[in-house]
Amino acid sequence: MKIKLAATWLAIGMMLAPAVGFTTDSNTDHSGPVAFVKDSVITTKIKTKLAAETHLSSLKEIKVDTDKNGAVFLSGMAHSQIEVDKAVSIARDTKGVTTVHNDIRIMEYK
């Protein structure tokens, strides 16, 4: 009985071996997590610098995204063009940033 059970398990194992071979990780460059961390670091640095500008309150509300190539995307609302210019300047002066795409809008007061 033990021989029959062992033979069954051996046959199942041999049938599953090709399936295990096909499920190996095909992503051999492994740059994904490293790029993600780098992008997150750039975004965090910019957000920290924006938050430190205490005299420009709306800068804390600006959304910052960074892609894998170091391109920064700024969006949201600001009180004035001075605040928009300051946010763009902070982003450009941050290490690792290649380009800055500005989509910050100035709030209209009625």
PDB file of N, CA and C in Angstrom:
ATOM      1  N   MET A   1       0.817  -1.186   0.000  1.00  0.00           N
ATOM      2  CA  MET A   1       0.000   0.000   0.000  1.00  0.00           C
ATOM      3  C   MET A   1       0.869   1.262   0.000  1.00  0.00           C
ATOM      4  N   LYS A   2       1.956   1.241   0.802  1.00  0.00           N
ATOM      5  CA  LYS A   2       2.851   2.396   0.861  1.00  0.00           C
ATOM      6  C   LYS A   2       3.531   2.641  -0.489  1.00  0.00           C
ATOM      7  N   ILE A   3       3.850   1.585  -1.208  1.00  0.00           N
ATOM      8  CA  ILE A   3       4.491   1.723  -2.506  1.00  0.00           C
ATOM      9  C   ILE A   3       3.520   2.361  -3.498  1.00  0.00           C
ATOM     10  N   LYS A   4       2.255   1.984  -3.443  1.00  0.00           N
ATOM     11  CA  LYS A   4       1.249   2.541  -4.340  1.00  0.00           C
ATOM     12  C   LYS A   4       1.047   4.032  -4.064  1.00  0.00           C
ATOM     13  N   LEU A   5       1.011   4.398  -2.784  1.00  0.00           N
ATOM     14  CA  LEU A   5       0.851   5.802  -2.393  1.00  0.00           C
ATOM     15  C   LEU A   5       2.067   6.628  -2.821  1.00  0.00           C
ATOM     16  N   ALA A   6       3.244   6.061  -2.619  1.00  0.00           N
ATOM     17  CA  ALA A   6       4.470   6.749  -3.017  1.00  0.00           C
ATOM     18  C   ALA A   6       4.526   6.925  -4.527  1.00  0.00           C
ATOM     19  N   ALA A   7       4.118   5.927  -5.274  1.00  0.00           N
ATOM     20  CA  ALA A   7       4.111   6.002  -6.733  1.00  0.00           C
ATOM     21  C   ALA A   7       3.116   7.060  -7.213  1.00  0.00           C
ATOM     22  N   THR A   8       1.979   7.176  -6.540  1.00  0.00           N
ATOM     23  CA  THR A   8       0.972   8.176  -6.893  1.00  0.00           C
ATOM     24  C   THR A   8       1.525   9.587  -6.681  1.00  0.00           C
ATOM     25  N   TRP A   9       2.147   9.799  -5.532  1.00  0.00           N
ATOM     26  CA  TRP A   9       2.717  11.111  -5.235  1.00  0.00           C
ATOM     27  C   TRP A   9       3.866  11.456  -6.198  1.00  0.00           C
ATOM     28  N   LEU A  10       4.634  10.474  -6.552  1.00  0.00           N
ATOM     29  CA  LEU A  10       5.713  10.685  -7.506  1.00  0.00           C
ATOM     30  C   LEU A  10       5.152  11.091  -8.876  1.00  0.00           C
ATOM     31  N   ALA A  11       4.089  10.412  -9.301  1.00  0.00           N
ATOM     32  CA  ALA A  11       3.465  10.737 -10.588  1.00  0.00           C
ATOM     33  C   ALA A  11       2.868  12.147 -10.558  1.00  0.00           C
ATOM     34  N   ILE A  12       2.218  12.528  -9.469  1.00  0.00           N
ATOM     35  CA  ILE A  12       1.646  13.880  -9.336  1.00  0.00           C
ATOM     36  C   ILE A  12       2.762  14.920  -9.359  1.00  0.00           C
ATOM     37  N   GLY A  13       3.836  14.633  -8.649  1.00  0.00           N
ATOM     38  CA  GLY A  13       4.971  15.556  -8.620  1.00  0.00           C
ATOM     39  C   GLY A  13       5.592  15.754  -9.986  1.00  0.00           C
ATOM     40  N   MET A  14       5.691  14.687 -10.766  1.00  0.00           N
ATOM     41  CA  MET A  14       6.273  14.777 -12.103  1.00  0.00           C
ATOM     42  C   MET A  14       5.360  15.562 -13.051  1.00  0.00           C
ATOM     43  N   MET A  15       4.043  15.461 -12.851  1.00  0.00           N
ATOM     44  CA  MET A  15       3.112  16.201 -13.696  1.00  0.00           C
ATOM     45  C   MET A  15       3.104  17.687 -13.354  1.00  0.00           C
ATOM     46  N   LEU A  16       3.342  18.015 -12.094  1.00  0.00           N
ATOM     47  CA  LEU A  16       3.328  19.413 -11.666  1.00  0.00           C
ATOM     48  C   LEU A  16       4.656  20.129 -11.909  1.00  0.00           C
ATOM     49  N   ALA A  17       5.735  19.409 -12.099  1.00  0.00           N
ATOM     50  CA  ALA A  17       7.051  20.017 -12.276  1.00  0.00           C
ATOM     51  C   ALA A  17       7.097  20.999 -13.447  1.00  0.00           C
ATOM     52  N   PRO A  18       6.541  20.681 -14.618  1.00  0.00           N
ATOM     53  CA  PRO A  18       6.565  21.678 -15.709  1.00  0.00           C
ATOM     54  C   PRO A  18       5.773  22.940 -15.366  1.00  0.00           C
ATOM     55  N   ALA A  19       4.681  22.802 -14.645  1.00  0.00           N
ATOM     56  CA  ALA A  19       3.883  23.972 -14.277  1.00  0.00           C
ATOM     57  C   ALA A  19       4.668  24.884 -13.345  1.00  0.00           C
ATOM     58  N   VAL A  20       5.415  24.325 -12.446  1.00  0.00           N
ATOM     59  CA  VAL A  20       6.232  25.126 -11.525  1.00  0.00           C
ATOM     60  C   VAL A  20       7.317  25.861 -12.303  1.00  0.00           C
ATOM     61  N   GLY A  21       7.881  25.240 -13.293  1.00  0.00           N
ATOM     62  CA  GLY A  21       8.912  25.870 -14.119  1.00  0.00           C
ATOM     63  C   GLY A  21       8.395  27.072 -14.883  1.00  0.00           C
ATOM     64  N   PHE A  22       7.154  27.033 -15.323  1.00  0.00           N
ATOM     65  CA  PHE A  22       6.572  28.137 -16.077  1.00  0.00           C
ATOM     66  C   PHE A  22       6.144  29.304 -15.199  1.00  0.00           C
ATOM     67  N   THR A  23       6.030  29.097 -13.909  1.00  0.00           N
ATOM     68  CA  THR A  23       5.567  30.162 -13.018  1.00  0.00           C
ATOM     69  C   THR A  23       6.711  30.920 -12.371  1.00  0.00           C
ATOM     70  N   THR A  24       7.936  30.684 -12.783  1.00  0.00           N
ATOM     71  CA  THR A  24       9.061  31.422 -12.201  1.00  0.00           C
ATOM     72  C   THR A  24       8.986  32.886 -12.598  1.00  0.00           C
ATOM     73  N   ASP A  25       9.671  33.709 -11.864  1.00  0.00           N
ATOM     74  CA  ASP A  25       9.657  35.156 -12.079  1.00  0.00           C
ATOM     75  C   ASP A  25      10.342  35.495 -13.395  1.00  0.00           C
ATOM     76  N   SER A  26       9.569  36.069 -14.327  1.00  0.00           N
ATOM     77  CA  SER A  26      10.151  36.441 -15.619  1.00  0.00           C
ATOM     78  C   SER A  26      10.746  37.845 -15.591  1.00  0.00           C
ATOM     79  N   ASN A  27      10.541  38.590 -14.523  1.00  0.00           N
ATOM     80  CA  ASN A  27      11.074  39.942 -14.395  1.00  0.00           C
ATOM     81  C   ASN A  27      12.496  39.841 -13.849  1.00  0.00           C
ATOM     82  N   THR A  28      13.463  39.771 -14.745  1.00  0.00           N
ATOM     83  CA  THR A  28      14.837  39.554 -14.308  1.00  0.00           C
ATOM     84  C   THR A  28      15.581  40.839 -13.988  1.00  0.00           C
ATOM     85  N   ASP A  29      15.032  41.998 -14.398  1.00  0.00           N
ATOM     86  CA  ASP A  29      15.755  43.238 -14.115  1.00  0.00           C
ATOM     87  C   ASP A  29      15.484  43.737 -12.700  1.00  0.00           C
ATOM     88  N   HIS A  30      14.378  43.382 -12.116  1.00  0.00           N
ATOM     89  CA  HIS A  30      14.018  43.741 -10.741  1.00  0.00           C
ATOM     90  C   HIS A  30      14.164  45.231 -10.461  1.00  0.00           C
ATOM     91  N   SER A  31      13.901  46.068 -11.439  1.00  0.00           N
ATOM     92  CA  SER A  31      14.029  47.509 -11.241  1.00  0.00           C
ATOM     93  C   SER A  31      12.755  48.129 -10.684  1.00  0.00           C
ATOM     94  N   GLY A  32      11.665  47.400 -10.666  1.00  0.00           N
ATOM     95  CA  GLY A  32      10.387  47.929 -10.213  1.00  0.00           C
ATOM     96  C   GLY A  32      10.416  48.506  -8.809  1.00  0.00           C
ATOM     97  N   PRO A  33      10.731  47.706  -7.781  1.00  0.00           N
ATOM     98  CA  PRO A  33      10.715  48.231  -6.418  1.00  0.00           C
ATOM     99  C   PRO A  33      11.728  49.347  -6.183  1.00  0.00           C
ATOM    100  N   VAL A  34      12.882  49.241  -6.802  1.00  0.00           N
ATOM    101  CA  VAL A  34      13.904  50.282  -6.637  1.00  0.00           C
ATOM    102  C   VAL A  34      13.407  51.594  -7.233  1.00  0.00           C
ATOM    103  N   ALA A  35      12.818  51.520  -8.421  1.00  0.00           N
ATOM    104  CA  ALA A  35      12.284  52.726  -9.059  1.00  0.00           C
ATOM    105  C   ALA A  35      11.160  53.304  -8.227  1.00  0.00           C
ATOM    106  N   PHE A  36      10.305  52.441  -7.661  1.00  0.00           N
ATOM    107  CA  PHE A  36       9.206  52.911  -6.831  1.00  0.00           C
ATOM    108  C   PHE A  36       9.731  53.645  -5.604  1.00  0.00           C
ATOM    109  N   VAL A  37      10.734  53.105  -4.966  1.00  0.00           N
ATOM    110  CA  VAL A  37      11.304  53.750  -3.780  1.00  0.00           C
ATOM    111  C   VAL A  37      11.914  55.085  -4.158  1.00  0.00           C
ATOM    112  N   LYS A  38      12.643  55.135  -5.267  1.00  0.00           N
ATOM    113  CA  LYS A  38      13.257  56.381  -5.721  1.00  0.00           C
ATOM    114  C   LYS A  38      12.183  57.439  -5.976  1.00  0.00           C
ATOM    115  N   ASP A  39      11.095  57.046  -6.650  1.00  0.00           N
ATOM    116  CA  ASP A  39      10.008  57.977  -6.942  1.00  0.00           C
ATOM    117  C   ASP A  39       9.368  58.477  -5.656  1.00  0.00           C
ATOM    118  N   SER A  40       9.182  57.571  -4.714  1.00  0.00           N
ATOM    119  CA  SER A  40       8.577  57.940  -3.437  1.00  0.00           C
ATOM    120  C   SER A  40       9.464  58.906  -2.658  1.00  0.00           C
ATOM    121  N   VAL A  41      10.760  58.703  -2.734  1.00  0.00           N
ATOM    122  CA  VAL A  41      11.700  59.591  -2.037  1.00  0.00           C
ATOM    123  C   VAL A  41      11.619  60.996  -2.628  1.00  0.00           C
ATOM    124  N   ILE A  42      11.594  61.100  -3.943  1.00  0.00           N
ATOM    125  CA  ILE A  42      11.497  62.413  -4.589  1.00  0.00           C
ATOM    126  C   ILE A  42      10.195  63.097  -4.189  1.00  0.00           C
ATOM    127  N   THR A  43       9.087  62.366  -4.258  1.00  0.00           N
ATOM    128  CA  THR A  43       7.783  62.928  -3.889  1.00  0.00           C
ATOM    129  C   THR A  43       7.785  63.399  -2.445  1.00  0.00           C
ATOM    130  N   THR A  44       8.325  62.594  -1.548  1.00  0.00           N
ATOM    131  CA  THR A  44       8.363  62.946  -0.127  1.00  0.00           C
ATOM    132  C   THR A  44       9.233  64.171   0.118  1.00  0.00           C
ATOM    133  N   LYS A  45      10.370  64.255  -0.546  1.00  0.00           N
ATOM    134  CA  LYS A  45      11.244  65.425  -0.387  1.00  0.00           C
ATOM    135  C   LYS A  45      10.523  66.703  -0.806  1.00  0.00           C
ATOM    136  N   ILE A  46       9.831  66.649  -1.934  1.00  0.00           N
ATOM    137  CA  ILE A  46       9.124  67.838  -2.419  1.00  0.00           C
ATOM    138  C   ILE A  46       7.998  68.213  -1.467  1.00  0.00           C
ATOM    139  N   LYS A  47       7.216  67.233  -1.028  1.00  0.00           N
ATOM    140  CA  LYS A  47       6.108  67.522  -0.098  1.00  0.00           C
ATOM    141  C   LYS A  47       6.621  68.118   1.213  1.00  0.00           C
ATOM    142  N   THR A  48       7.750  67.616   1.689  1.00  0.00           N
ATOM    143  CA  THR A  48       8.337  68.147   2.926  1.00  0.00           C
ATOM    144  C   THR A  48       8.763  69.594   2.742  1.00  0.00           C
ATOM    145  N   LYS A  49       9.388  69.891   1.618  1.00  0.00           N
ATOM    146  CA  LYS A  49       9.810  71.272   1.343  1.00  0.00           C
ATOM    147  C   LYS A  49       8.612  72.200   1.198  1.00  0.00           C
ATOM    148  N   LEU A  50       7.541  71.719   0.557  1.00  0.00           N
ATOM    149  CA  LEU A  50       6.336  72.538   0.410  1.00  0.00           C
ATOM    150  C   LEU A  50       5.701  72.811   1.770  1.00  0.00           C
ATOM    151  N   ALA A  51       5.653  71.807   2.626  1.00  0.00           N
ATOM    152  CA  ALA A  51       5.067  71.974   3.957  1.00  0.00           C
ATOM    153  C   ALA A  51       5.891  72.917   4.827  1.00  0.00           C
ATOM    154  N   ALA A  52       7.193  72.990   4.579  1.00  0.00           N
ATOM    155  CA  ALA A  52       8.062  73.864   5.371  1.00  0.00           C
ATOM    156  C   ALA A  52       7.838  75.338   5.063  1.00  0.00           C
ATOM    157  N   GLU A  53       7.205  75.630   3.936  1.00  0.00           N
ATOM    158  CA  GLU A  53       6.922  77.021   3.555  1.00  0.00           C
ATOM    159  C   GLU A  53       5.669  77.490   4.320  1.00  0.00           C
ATOM    160  N   THR A  54       5.851  77.784   5.595  1.00  0.00           N
ATOM    161  CA  THR A  54       4.711  78.106   6.462  1.00  0.00           C
ATOM    162  C   THR A  54       4.003  79.403   6.069  1.00  0.00           C
ATOM    163  N   HIS A  55       4.689  80.323   5.429  1.00  0.00           N
ATOM    164  CA  HIS A  55       4.073  81.587   5.033  1.00  0.00           C
ATOM    165  C   HIS A  55       3.247  81.450   3.747  1.00  0.00           C
ATOM    166  N   LEU A  56       3.332  80.288   3.099  1.00  0.00           N
ATOM    167  CA  LEU A  56       2.544  80.031   1.895  1.00  0.00           C
ATOM    168  C   LEU A  56       1.641  78.817   2.177  1.00  0.00           C
ATOM    169  N   SER A  57       0.512  79.073   2.796  1.00  0.00           N
ATOM    170  CA  SER A  57      -0.323  78.007   3.349  1.00  0.00           C
ATOM    171  C   SER A  57      -0.886  77.032   2.316  1.00  0.00           C
ATOM    172  N   SER A  58      -1.198  77.487   1.117  1.00  0.00           N
ATOM    173  CA  SER A  58      -1.830  76.581   0.155  1.00  0.00           C
ATOM    174  C   SER A  58      -0.861  75.574  -0.448  1.00  0.00           C
ATOM    175  N   LEU A  59       0.449  75.753  -0.245  1.00  0.00           N
ATOM    176  CA  LEU A  59       1.415  74.809  -0.794  1.00  0.00           C
ATOM    177  C   LEU A  59       1.261  73.424  -0.173  1.00  0.00           C
ATOM    178  N   LYS A  60       0.710  73.363   1.032  1.00  0.00           N
ATOM    179  CA  LYS A  60       0.503  72.075   1.688  1.00  0.00           C
ATOM    180  C   LYS A  60      -0.575  71.265   0.983  1.00  0.00           C
ATOM    181  N   GLU A  61      -1.415  71.917   0.205  1.00  0.00           N
ATOM    182  CA  GLU A  61      -2.529  71.254  -0.471  1.00  0.00           C
ATOM    183  C   GLU A  61      -2.184  70.809  -1.892  1.00  0.00           C
ATOM    184  N   ILE A  62      -0.996  71.084  -2.353  1.00  0.00           N
ATOM    185  CA  ILE A  62      -0.614  70.739  -3.719  1.00  0.00           C
ATOM    186  C   ILE A  62      -0.269  69.252  -3.789  1.00  0.00           C
ATOM    187  N   LYS A  63      -0.803  68.586  -4.814  1.00  0.00           N
ATOM    188  CA  LYS A  63      -0.557  67.170  -5.014  1.00  0.00           C
ATOM    189  C   LYS A  63       0.724  66.998  -5.824  1.00  0.00           C
ATOM    190  N   VAL A  64       1.565  66.064  -5.396  1.00  0.00           N
ATOM    191  CA  VAL A  64       2.849  65.801  -6.047  1.00  0.00           C
ATOM    192  C   VAL A  64       2.906  64.334  -6.446  1.00  0.00           C
ATOM    193  N   ASP A  65       3.182  64.072  -7.712  1.00  0.00           N
ATOM    194  CA  ASP A  65       3.391  62.712  -8.209  1.00  0.00           C
ATOM    195  C   ASP A  65       4.705  62.688  -8.977  1.00  0.00           C
ATOM    196  N   THR A  66       5.408  61.555  -8.885  1.00  0.00           N
ATOM    197  CA  THR A  66       6.672  61.406  -9.590  1.00  0.00           C
ATOM    198  C   THR A  66       6.646  60.105 -10.369  1.00  0.00           C
ATOM    199  N   ASP A  67       7.065  60.143 -11.642  1.00  0.00           N
ATOM    200  CA  ASP A  67       7.109  58.897 -12.406  1.00  0.00           C
ATOM    201  C   ASP A  67       8.496  58.280 -12.308  1.00  0.00           C
ATOM    202  N   LYS A  68       8.675  57.121 -12.924  1.00  0.00           N
ATOM    203  CA  LYS A  68       9.924  56.367 -12.794  1.00  0.00           C
ATOM    204  C   LYS A  68      11.127  57.059 -13.419  1.00  0.00           C
ATOM    205  N   ASN A  69      10.888  58.054 -14.265  1.00  0.00           N
ATOM    206  CA  ASN A  69      11.986  58.769 -14.915  1.00  0.00           C
ATOM    207  C   ASN A  69      12.373  60.056 -14.198  1.00  0.00           C
ATOM    208  N   GLY A  70      11.748  60.330 -13.058  1.00  0.00           N
ATOM    209  CA  GLY A  70      12.056  61.543 -12.309  1.00  0.00           C
ATOM    210  C   GLY A  70      11.226  62.747 -12.719  1.00  0.00           C
ATOM    211  N   ALA A  71      10.214  62.544 -13.551  1.00  0.00           N
ATOM    212  CA  ALA A  71       9.328  63.644 -13.936  1.00  0.00           C
ATOM    213  C   ALA A  71       8.309  63.866 -12.823  1.00  0.00           C
ATOM    214  N   VAL A  72       8.173  65.112 -12.409  1.00  0.00           N
ATOM    215  CA  VAL A  72       7.265  65.469 -11.313  1.00  0.00           C
ATOM    216  C   VAL A  72       6.038  66.151 -11.892  1.00  0.00           C
ATOM    217  N   PHE A  73       4.865  65.760 -11.368  1.00  0.00           N
ATOM    218  CA  PHE A  73       3.592  66.331 -11.786  1.00  0.00           C
ATOM    219  C   PHE A  73       2.972  67.036 -10.587  1.00  0.00           C
ATOM    220  N   LEU A  74       2.785  68.346 -10.696  1.00  0.00           N
ATOM    221  CA  LEU A  74       2.188  69.144  -9.631  1.00  0.00           C
ATOM    222  C   LEU A  74       0.762  69.498 -10.026  1.00  0.00           C
ATOM    223  N   SER A  75      -0.166  69.356  -9.089  1.00  0.00           N
ATOM    224  CA  SER A  75      -1.552  69.731  -9.349  1.00  0.00           C
ATOM    225  C   SER A  75      -2.184  70.216  -8.058  1.00  0.00           C
ATOM    226  N   GLY A  76      -3.335  70.858  -8.194  1.00  0.00           N
ATOM    227  CA  GLY A  76      -4.039  71.380  -7.034  1.00  0.00           C
ATOM    228  C   GLY A  76      -4.329  72.856  -7.193  1.00  0.00           C
ATOM    229  N   MET A  77      -4.581  73.514  -6.064  1.00  0.00           N
ATOM    230  CA  MET A  77      -4.943  74.924  -6.068  1.00  0.00           C
ATOM    231  C   MET A  77      -3.954  75.729  -5.226  1.00  0.00           C
ATOM    232  N   ALA A  78      -3.691  76.949  -5.681  1.00  0.00           N
ATOM    233  CA  ALA A  78      -2.832  77.885  -4.949  1.00  0.00           C
ATOM    234  C   ALA A  78      -3.547  79.227  -4.864  1.00  0.00           C
ATOM    235  N   HIS A  79      -3.140  80.068  -3.913  1.00  0.00           N
ATOM    236  CA  HIS A  79      -3.759  81.377  -3.733  1.00  0.00           C
ATOM    237  C   HIS A  79      -3.251  82.411  -4.729  1.00  0.00           C
ATOM    238  N   SER A  80      -2.027  82.216  -5.236  1.00  0.00           N
ATOM    239  CA  SER A  80      -1.449  83.238  -6.113  1.00  0.00           C
ATOM    240  C   SER A  80      -0.410  82.619  -7.040  1.00  0.00           C
ATOM    241  N   GLN A  81       0.000  83.401  -8.028  1.00  0.00           N
ATOM    242  CA  GLN A  81       1.048  82.961  -8.950  1.00  0.00           C
ATOM    243  C   GLN A  81       2.373  82.810  -8.221  1.00  0.00           C
ATOM    244  N   ILE A  82       2.584  83.604  -7.181  1.00  0.00           N
ATOM    245  CA  ILE A  82       3.809  83.492  -6.380  1.00  0.00           C
ATOM    246  C   ILE A  82       3.912  82.101  -5.772  1.00  0.00           C
ATOM    247  N   GLU A  83       2.799  81.603  -5.261  1.00  0.00           N
ATOM    248  CA  GLU A  83       2.796  80.263  -4.672  1.00  0.00           C
ATOM    249  C   GLU A  83       3.028  79.190  -5.737  1.00  0.00           C
ATOM    250  N   VAL A  84       2.448  79.356  -6.899  1.00  0.00           N
ATOM    251  CA  VAL A  84       2.658  78.402  -7.994  1.00  0.00           C
ATOM    252  C   VAL A  84       4.129  78.388  -8.377  1.00  0.00           C
ATOM    253  N   ASP A  85       4.716  79.572  -8.546  1.00  0.00           N
ATOM    254  CA  ASP A  85       6.124  79.671  -8.920  1.00  0.00           C
ATOM    255  C   ASP A  85       7.031  79.045  -7.859  1.00  0.00           C
ATOM    256  N   LYS A  86       6.694  79.244  -6.599  1.00  0.00           N
ATOM    257  CA  LYS A  86       7.497  78.691  -5.506  1.00  0.00           C
ATOM    258  C   LYS A  86       7.438  77.160  -5.522  1.00  0.00           C
ATOM    259  N   ALA A  87       6.249  76.599  -5.743  1.00  0.00           N
ATOM    260  CA  ALA A  87       6.102  75.140  -5.788  1.00  0.00           C
ATOM    261  C   ALA A  87       6.906  74.547  -6.945  1.00  0.00           C
ATOM    262  N   VAL A  88       6.843  75.178  -8.089  1.00  0.00           N
ATOM    263  CA  VAL A  88       7.598  74.707  -9.260  1.00  0.00           C
ATOM    264  C   VAL A  88       9.096  74.813  -8.996  1.00  0.00           C
ATOM    265  N   SER A  89       9.516  75.899  -8.378  1.00  0.00           N
ATOM    266  CA  SER A  89      10.926  76.099  -8.062  1.00  0.00           C
ATOM    267  C   SER A  89      11.433  75.036  -7.082  1.00  0.00           C
ATOM    268  N   ILE A  90      10.631  74.748  -6.066  1.00  0.00           N
ATOM    269  CA  ILE A  90      11.006  73.715  -5.089  1.00  0.00           C
ATOM    270  C   ILE A  90      11.153  72.370  -5.779  1.00  0.00           C
ATOM    271  N   ALA A  91      10.208  72.044  -6.650  1.00  0.00           N
ATOM    272  CA  ALA A  91      10.268  70.760  -7.350  1.00  0.00           C
ATOM    273  C   ALA A  91      11.503  70.681  -8.243  1.00  0.00           C
ATOM    274  N   ARG A  92      11.777  71.737  -8.998  1.00  0.00           N
ATOM    275  CA  ARG A  92      12.934  71.743  -9.914  1.00  0.00           C
ATOM    276  C   ARG A  92      14.253  71.619  -9.172  1.00  0.00           C
ATOM    277  N   ASP A  93      14.323  72.195  -7.970  1.00  0.00           N
ATOM    278  CA  ASP A  93      15.567  72.199  -7.200  1.00  0.00           C
ATOM    279  C   ASP A  93      15.780  70.924  -6.389  1.00  0.00           C
ATOM    280  N   THR A  94      14.881  69.966  -6.500  1.00  0.00           N
ATOM    281  CA  THR A  94      14.997  68.724  -5.740  1.00  0.00           C
ATOM    282  C   THR A  94      15.834  67.712  -6.525  1.00  0.00           C
ATOM    283  N   LYS A  95      16.787  67.100  -5.829  1.00  0.00           N
ATOM    284  CA  LYS A  95      17.686  66.132  -6.461  1.00  0.00           C
ATOM    285  C   LYS A  95      16.892  64.953  -7.023  1.00  0.00           C
ATOM    286  N   GLY A  96      17.203  64.576  -8.257  1.00  0.00           N
ATOM    287  CA  GLY A  96      16.554  63.440  -8.902  1.00  0.00           C
ATOM    288  C   GLY A  96      15.432  63.826  -9.849  1.00  0.00           C
ATOM    289  N   VAL A  97      15.010  65.091  -9.798  1.00  0.00           N
ATOM    290  CA  VAL A  97      13.929  65.561 -10.661  1.00  0.00           C
ATOM    291  C   VAL A  97      14.502  65.892 -12.042  1.00  0.00           C
ATOM    292  N   THR A  98      13.870  65.333 -13.079  1.00  0.00           N
ATOM    293  CA  THR A  98      14.318  65.599 -14.443  1.00  0.00           C
ATOM    294  C   THR A  98      13.489  66.697 -15.102  1.00  0.00           C
ATOM    295  N   THR A  99      12.178  66.661 -14.911  1.00  0.00           N
ATOM    296  CA  THR A  99      11.279  67.685 -15.452  1.00  0.00           C
ATOM    297  C   THR A  99      10.134  67.909 -14.472  1.00  0.00           C
ATOM    298  N   VAL A 100       9.500  69.083 -14.593  1.00  0.00           N
ATOM    299  CA  VAL A 100       8.353  69.416 -13.748  1.00  0.00           C
ATOM    300  C   VAL A 100       7.187  69.791 -14.651  1.00  0.00           C
ATOM    301  N   HIS A 101       6.059  69.129 -14.457  1.00  0.00           N
ATOM    302  CA  HIS A 101       4.826  69.425 -15.186  1.00  0.00           C
ATOM    303  C   HIS A 101       3.882  70.123 -14.212  1.00  0.00           C
ATOM    304  N   ASN A 102       3.566  71.366 -14.507  1.00  0.00           N
ATOM    305  CA  ASN A 102       2.769  72.189 -13.595  1.00  0.00           C
ATOM    306  C   ASN A 102       1.310  72.245 -14.048  1.00  0.00           C
ATOM    307  N   ASP A 103       0.422  71.753 -13.197  1.00  0.00           N
ATOM    308  CA  ASP A 103      -1.015  71.853 -13.451  1.00  0.00           C
ATOM    309  C   ASP A 103      -1.700  72.475 -12.232  1.00  0.00           C
ATOM    310  N   ILE A 104      -1.001  73.375 -11.555  1.00  0.00           N
ATOM    311  CA  ILE A 104      -1.556  74.055 -10.384  1.00  0.00           C
ATOM    312  C   ILE A 104      -2.427  75.200 -10.864  1.00  0.00           C
ATOM    313  N   ARG A 105      -3.603  75.289 -10.321  1.00  0.00           N
ATOM    314  CA  ARG A 105      -4.546  76.357 -10.666  1.00  0.00           C
ATOM    315  C   ARG A 105      -4.584  77.400  -9.565  1.00  0.00           C
ATOM    316  N   ILE A 106      -4.817  78.641  -9.970  1.00  0.00           N
ATOM    317  CA  ILE A 106      -4.936  79.727  -8.995  1.00  0.00           C
ATOM    318  C   ILE A 106      -6.417  79.873  -8.638  1.00  0.00           C
ATOM    319  N   MET A 107      -6.674  79.925  -7.331  1.00  0.00           N
ATOM    320  CA  MET A 107      -8.063  80.053  -6.851  1.00  0.00           C
ATOM    321  C   MET A 107      -8.651  81.395  -7.265  1.00  0.00           C
ATOM    322  N   GLU A 108      -9.872  81.337  -7.735  1.00  0.00           N
ATOM    323  CA  GLU A 108     -10.575  82.564  -8.082  1.00  0.00           C
ATOM    324  C   GLU A 108     -11.478  82.962  -6.918  1.00  0.00           C
ATOM    325  N   TYR A 109     -11.389  84.192  -6.517  1.00  0.00           N
ATOM    326  CA  TYR A 109     -12.226  84.700  -5.417  1.00  0.00           C
ATOM    327  C   TYR A 109     -13.389  85.468  -6.002  1.00  0.00           C
ATOM    328  N   LYS A 110     -14.572  85.206  -5.474  1.00  0.00           N
ATOM    329  CA  LYS A 110     -15.772  85.884  -5.965  1.00  0.00           C
ATOM    330  C   LYS A 110     -16.307  86.822  -4.921  1.00  0.00           C
TER     331      LYS A 110
END
